[in-house]
Amino acid sequence: MGDYRDAQSRYHGFLFSVNTPRIITLSPLSGPVGKTVTITGQNFGDGQGSMVAFGSTPVPSVSILSWSDTQIVVQVPDIVAGEYGVTVTISAGQSNAVPFQVFPPLTFDVTALVSNWGTKWDYEITNTSGGPVNPVGPPLFGPGPNIDAFAVDVPSADSSTTIT
């Protein structure tokens, strides 16, 4: 709120507002480097001279996929695993910070174990990334805790099997 005195020494009050950005949601709330994240909120402007950051790390312009006044789509920048506050900064100010969990990309080693009756090959696939196979949500492979290794039947040594 502000006020001023006119030529007749009368006071006049007035209100002004600054449209600082506000993040309402992030989707998803976690993912590896390079994951596409949608930021939904208010007062993001047109993106000119603006910035999205994960903690103190700004998202490079090549990783900002789209920008509107209510939605920004970015890719997680190249940062180490951990929790970061995602913020949007425009000329009017900085938004609230919303937590995002960055986890390491999943890497796996595949080892041929044995031929099973000469018709199928068993392979063991082991998570070597140091992170959980399914860091959020239900386990990937049925009931029970997250697992670090599993076996897959492949019809022959020179074929492939898609794991879904």
C-alpha atoms as a PDB file:
ATOM      1  CA  MET A   1       0.000   0.000   0.000  1.00  0.00           C
ATOM      2  CA  GLY A   2       1.174   3.485  -0.710  1.00  0.00           C
ATOM      3  CA  ASP A   3      -0.100   7.001  -0.376  1.00  0.00           C
ATOM      4  CA  TYR A   4       0.527  10.459  -1.707  1.00  0.00           C
ATOM      5  CA  ARG A   5      -0.525  14.030  -0.960  1.00  0.00           C
ATOM      6  CA  ASP A   6      -2.142  16.052  -3.744  1.00  0.00           C
ATOM      7  CA  ALA A   7      -1.815  19.798  -4.388  1.00  0.00           C
ATOM      8  CA  GLN A   8      -4.527  20.548  -1.796  1.00  0.00           C
ATOM      9  CA  SER A   9      -2.635  18.542   0.876  1.00  0.00           C
ATOM     10  CA  ARG A  10      -5.150  15.683   0.778  1.00  0.00           C
ATOM     11  CA  TYR A  11      -3.865  12.154   1.299  1.00  0.00           C
ATOM     12  CA  HIS A  12      -4.790   9.459  -1.188  1.00  0.00           C
ATOM     13  CA  GLY A  13      -4.149   5.797  -0.519  1.00  0.00           C
ATOM     14  CA  PHE A  14      -3.609   3.208  -3.222  1.00  0.00           C
ATOM     15  CA  LEU A  15      -2.880  -0.482  -3.431  1.00  0.00           C
ATOM     16  CA  PHE A  16      -0.433  -2.142  -5.756  1.00  0.00           C
ATOM     17  CA  SER A  17       0.510  -5.726  -6.216  1.00  0.00           C
ATOM     18  CA  VAL A  18       3.488  -7.535  -7.621  1.00  0.00           C
ATOM     19  CA  ASN A  19       2.723 -10.708  -9.520  1.00  0.00           C
ATOM     20  CA  THR A  20       5.478 -12.953  -8.231  1.00  0.00           C
ATOM     21  CA  PRO A  21       5.462 -16.515  -9.562  1.00  0.00           C
ATOM     22  CA  ARG A  22       3.864 -19.288  -7.530  1.00  0.00           C
ATOM     23  CA  ILE A  23       4.439 -23.024  -8.058  1.00  0.00           C
ATOM     24  CA  ILE A  24       1.355 -25.115  -7.296  1.00  0.00           C
ATOM     25  CA  THR A  25       2.533 -28.574  -8.410  1.00  0.00           C
ATOM     26  CA  LEU A  26       5.445 -30.479  -9.900  1.00  0.00           C
ATOM     27  CA  SER A  27       4.876 -33.644 -11.876  1.00  0.00           C
ATOM     28  CA  PRO A  28       6.561 -35.976 -11.216  1.00  0.00           C
ATOM     29  CA  LEU A  29       8.102 -35.231  -7.799  1.00  0.00           C
ATOM     30  CA  SER A  30      11.227 -37.318  -8.444  1.00  0.00           C
ATOM     31  CA  GLY A  31      13.360 -38.645 -11.260  1.00  0.00           C
ATOM     32  CA  PRO A  32      16.867 -38.928 -12.706  1.00  0.00           C
ATOM     33  CA  VAL A  33      18.870 -36.285 -14.560  1.00  0.00           C
ATOM     34  CA  GLY A  34      17.186 -35.592 -17.903  1.00  0.00           C
ATOM     35  CA  LYS A  35      13.683 -36.501 -16.674  1.00  0.00           C
ATOM     36  CA  THR A  36      10.935 -34.232 -18.034  1.00  0.00           C
ATOM     37  CA  VAL A  37       9.209 -32.277 -15.246  1.00  0.00           C
ATOM     38  CA  THR A  38       6.038 -30.186 -15.590  1.00  0.00           C
ATOM     39  CA  ILE A  39       5.790 -27.169 -13.288  1.00  0.00           C
ATOM     40  CA  THR A  40       2.248 -25.842 -12.892  1.00  0.00           C
ATOM     41  CA  GLY A  41       1.458 -22.550 -11.217  1.00  0.00           C
ATOM     42  CA  GLN A  42       0.756 -18.860 -11.673  1.00  0.00           C
ATOM     43  CA  ASN A  43       2.486 -15.717 -12.931  1.00  0.00           C
ATOM     44  CA  PHE A  44       5.358 -17.395 -14.790  1.00  0.00           C
ATOM     45  CA  GLY A  45       5.200 -14.780 -17.553  1.00  0.00           C
ATOM     46  CA  ASP A  46       6.492 -15.444 -21.048  1.00  0.00           C
ATOM     47  CA  GLY A  47       9.898 -16.793 -20.045  1.00  0.00           C
ATOM     48  CA  GLN A  48      11.940 -13.845 -21.334  1.00  0.00           C
ATOM     49  CA  GLY A  49      14.777 -13.228 -18.873  1.00  0.00           C
ATOM     50  CA  SER A  50      13.357 -15.828 -16.493  1.00  0.00           C
ATOM     51  CA  MET A  51      14.892 -18.897 -14.885  1.00  0.00           C
ATOM     52  CA  VAL A  52      14.002 -22.291 -13.394  1.00  0.00           C
ATOM     53  CA  ALA A  53      16.432 -23.728 -10.857  1.00  0.00           C
ATOM     54  CA  PHE A  54      16.882 -26.980  -8.963  1.00  0.00           C
ATOM     55  CA  GLY A  55      18.462 -25.690  -5.768  1.00  0.00           C
ATOM     56  CA  SER A  56      21.142 -23.252  -6.919  1.00  0.00           C
ATOM     57  CA  THR A  57      21.545 -24.933 -10.320  1.00  0.00           C
ATOM     58  CA  PRO A  58      19.735 -23.156 -13.155  1.00  0.00           C
ATOM     59  CA  VAL A  59      18.108 -25.241 -15.870  1.00  0.00           C
ATOM     60  CA  PRO A  60      19.978 -24.552 -19.156  1.00  0.00           C
ATOM     61  CA  SER A  61      17.833 -22.905 -21.832  1.00  0.00           C
ATOM     62  CA  VAL A  62      18.155 -26.000 -24.065  1.00  0.00           C
ATOM     63  CA  SER A  63      16.458 -28.010 -21.285  1.00  0.00           C
ATOM     64  CA  ILE A  64      13.445 -25.690 -21.069  1.00  0.00           C
ATOM     65  CA  LEU A  65      10.994 -27.444 -23.380  1.00  0.00           C
ATOM     66  CA  SER A  66       8.055 -25.028 -23.054  1.00  0.00           C
ATOM     67  CA  TRP A  67       7.044 -21.967 -21.036  1.00  0.00           C
ATOM     68  CA  SER A  68       3.663 -20.277 -20.508  1.00  0.00           C
ATOM     69  CA  ASP A  69       2.200 -18.106 -17.768  1.00  0.00           C
ATOM     70  CA  THR A  70       0.802 -21.177 -15.960  1.00  0.00           C
ATOM     71  CA  GLN A  71       3.021 -24.104 -17.022  1.00  0.00           C
ATOM     72  CA  ILE A  72       6.715 -24.742 -17.616  1.00  0.00           C
ATOM     73  CA  VAL A  73       8.167 -28.020 -18.908  1.00  0.00           C
ATOM     74  CA  VAL A  74      11.868 -28.658 -18.235  1.00  0.00           C
ATOM     75  CA  GLN A  75      14.373 -31.478 -18.030  1.00  0.00           C
ATOM     76  CA  VAL A  76      16.199 -32.122 -14.755  1.00  0.00           C
ATOM     77  CA  PRO A  77      19.665 -30.526 -15.060  1.00  0.00           C
ATOM     78  CA  ASP A  78      22.928 -32.433 -14.602  1.00  0.00           C
ATOM     79  CA  ILE A  79      23.111 -32.503 -10.792  1.00  0.00           C
ATOM     80  CA  VAL A  80      24.013 -35.121  -8.189  1.00  0.00           C
ATOM     81  CA  ALA A  81      21.338 -37.238  -6.529  1.00  0.00           C
ATOM     82  CA  GLY A  82      19.516 -35.559  -3.641  1.00  0.00           C
ATOM     83  CA  GLU A  83      16.566 -33.343  -2.786  1.00  0.00           C
ATOM     84  CA  TYR A  84      16.357 -29.898  -4.375  1.00  0.00           C
ATOM     85  CA  GLY A  85      13.916 -27.024  -4.101  1.00  0.00           C
ATOM     86  CA  VAL A  86      12.604 -26.159  -7.573  1.00  0.00           C
ATOM     87  CA  THR A  87      12.010 -22.433  -8.074  1.00  0.00           C
ATOM     88  CA  VAL A  88      10.937 -20.096 -10.874  1.00  0.00           C
ATOM     89  CA  THR A  89      12.471 -16.621 -11.001  1.00  0.00           C
ATOM     90  CA  ILE A  90      11.084 -13.784 -13.112  1.00  0.00           C
ATOM     91  CA  SER A  91      11.724 -10.032 -13.017  1.00  0.00           C
ATOM     92  CA  ALA A  92       9.028  -9.621 -10.308  1.00  0.00           C
ATOM     93  CA  GLY A  93      10.729 -12.098  -7.959  1.00  0.00           C
ATOM     94  CA  GLN A  94      11.251 -15.738  -7.060  1.00  0.00           C
ATOM     95  CA  SER A  95       8.564 -18.364  -6.478  1.00  0.00           C
ATOM     96  CA  ASN A  96       8.119 -20.666  -3.555  1.00  0.00           C
ATOM     97  CA  ALA A  97      10.394 -23.732  -3.580  1.00  0.00           C
ATOM     98  CA  VAL A  98       8.841 -27.160  -4.162  1.00  0.00           C
ATOM     99  CA  PRO A  99      10.955 -30.258  -3.326  1.00  0.00           C
ATOM    100  CA  PHE A 100      12.100 -32.594  -6.097  1.00  0.00           C
ATOM    101  CA  GLN A 101      14.089 -35.780  -5.455  1.00  0.00           C
ATOM    102  CA  VAL A 102      16.846 -36.467  -8.000  1.00  0.00           C
ATOM    103  CA  PHE A 103      18.014 -40.064  -8.012  1.00  0.00           C
ATOM    104  CA  PRO A 104      20.843 -41.655  -9.973  1.00  0.00           C
ATOM    105  CA  PRO A 105      20.041 -43.206 -13.353  1.00  0.00           C
ATOM    106  CA  LEU A 106      19.505 -46.942 -13.224  1.00  0.00           C
ATOM    107  CA  THR A 107      22.295 -49.039 -14.672  1.00  0.00           C
ATOM    108  CA  PHE A 108      22.309 -52.806 -14.901  1.00  0.00           C
ATOM    109  CA  ASP A 109      24.778 -55.617 -15.517  1.00  0.00           C
ATOM    110  CA  VAL A 110      23.491 -58.596 -17.484  1.00  0.00           C
ATOM    111  CA  THR A 111      25.115 -61.963 -16.821  1.00  0.00           C
ATOM    112  CA  ALA A 112      24.357 -65.210 -18.673  1.00  0.00           C
ATOM    113  CA  LEU A 113      23.948 -67.908 -16.066  1.00  0.00           C
ATOM    114  CA  VAL A 114      23.273 -71.300 -17.663  1.00  0.00           C
ATOM    115  CA  SER A 115      21.414 -72.923 -20.479  1.00  0.00           C
ATOM    116  CA  ASN A 116      18.240 -74.432 -19.073  1.00  0.00           C
ATOM    117  CA  TRP A 117      17.604 -77.797 -20.836  1.00  0.00           C
ATOM    118  CA  GLY A 118      19.286 -76.482 -23.974  1.00  0.00           C
ATOM    119  CA  THR A 119      16.174 -74.542 -25.005  1.00  0.00           C
ATOM    120  CA  LYS A 120      16.232 -71.452 -22.798  1.00  0.00           C
ATOM    121  CA  TRP A 121      18.960 -69.282 -21.360  1.00  0.00           C
ATOM    122  CA  ASP A 122      18.729 -67.745 -17.894  1.00  0.00           C
ATOM    123  CA  TYR A 123      20.180 -64.281 -17.398  1.00  0.00           C
ATOM    124  CA  GLU A 124      20.633 -62.382 -14.178  1.00  0.00           C
ATOM    125  CA  ILE A 125      20.123 -58.620 -14.367  1.00  0.00           C
ATOM    126  CA  THR A 126      21.683 -56.748 -11.462  1.00  0.00           C
ATOM    127  CA  ASN A 127      21.124 -53.112 -10.529  1.00  0.00           C
ATOM    128  CA  THR A 128      24.568 -51.468 -10.380  1.00  0.00           C
ATOM    129  CA  SER A 129      23.445 -47.845 -10.026  1.00  0.00           C
ATOM    130  CA  GLY A 130      23.402 -47.810  -6.241  1.00  0.00           C
ATOM    131  CA  GLY A 131      19.784 -46.629  -6.247  1.00  0.00           C
ATOM    132  CA  PRO A 132      16.640 -48.680  -5.792  1.00  0.00           C
ATOM    133  CA  VAL A 133      15.121 -50.371  -8.838  1.00  0.00           C
ATOM    134  CA  ASN A 134      11.842 -48.547  -8.225  1.00  0.00           C
ATOM    135  CA  PRO A 135      12.573 -45.594  -5.919  1.00  0.00           C
ATOM    136  CA  VAL A 136       8.943 -44.451  -5.595  1.00  0.00           C
ATOM    137  CA  GLY A 137       5.652 -46.275  -5.789  1.00  0.00           C
ATOM    138  CA  PRO A 138       4.949 -49.988  -5.632  1.00  0.00           C
ATOM    139  CA  PRO A 139       7.665 -52.560  -6.348  1.00  0.00           C
ATOM    140  CA  LEU A 140       8.315 -53.178 -10.034  1.00  0.00           C
ATOM    141  CA  PHE A 141       8.133 -56.951  -9.958  1.00  0.00           C
ATOM    142  CA  GLY A 142       5.131 -58.019  -7.924  1.00  0.00           C
ATOM    143  CA  PRO A 143       4.513 -57.891  -4.189  1.00  0.00           C
ATOM    144  CA  GLY A 144       7.299 -57.480  -1.684  1.00  0.00           C
ATOM    145  CA  PRO A 145      10.203 -55.074  -1.245  1.00  0.00           C
ATOM    146  CA  ASN A 146      12.185 -53.486  -4.064  1.00  0.00           C
ATOM    147  CA  ILE A 147      14.777 -55.892  -5.417  1.00  0.00           C
ATOM    148  CA  ASP A 148      18.296 -55.472  -6.752  1.00  0.00           C
ATOM    149  CA  ALA A 149      18.440 -58.509  -9.061  1.00  0.00           C
ATOM    150  CA  PHE A 150      16.100 -60.748 -10.973  1.00  0.00           C
ATOM    151  CA  ALA A 151      16.268 -63.541 -13.544  1.00  0.00           C
ATOM    152  CA  VAL A 152      14.785 -63.528 -17.048  1.00  0.00           C
ATOM    153  CA  ASP A 153      14.191 -66.457 -19.396  1.00  0.00           C
ATOM    154  CA  VAL A 154      15.462 -65.745 -22.925  1.00  0.00           C
ATOM    155  CA  PRO A 155      14.593 -68.357 -25.609  1.00  0.00           C
ATOM    156  CA  SER A 156      18.113 -68.515 -27.073  1.00  0.00           C
ATOM    157  CA  ALA A 157      21.520 -66.982 -26.532  1.00  0.00           C
ATOM    158  CA  ASP A 158      21.198 -64.703 -29.547  1.00  0.00           C
ATOM    159  CA  SER A 159      17.686 -63.355 -28.935  1.00  0.00           C
ATOM    160  CA  SER A 160      16.402 -60.567 -26.727  1.00  0.00           C
ATOM    161  CA  THR A 161      13.574 -60.206 -24.260  1.00  0.00           C
ATOM    162  CA  THR A 162      11.825 -56.953 -23.373  1.00  0.00           C
ATOM    163  CA  ILE A 163      11.269 -56.419 -19.671  1.00  0.00           C
ATOM    164  CA  THR A 164       8.203 -54.341 -18.829  1.00  0.00           C
END
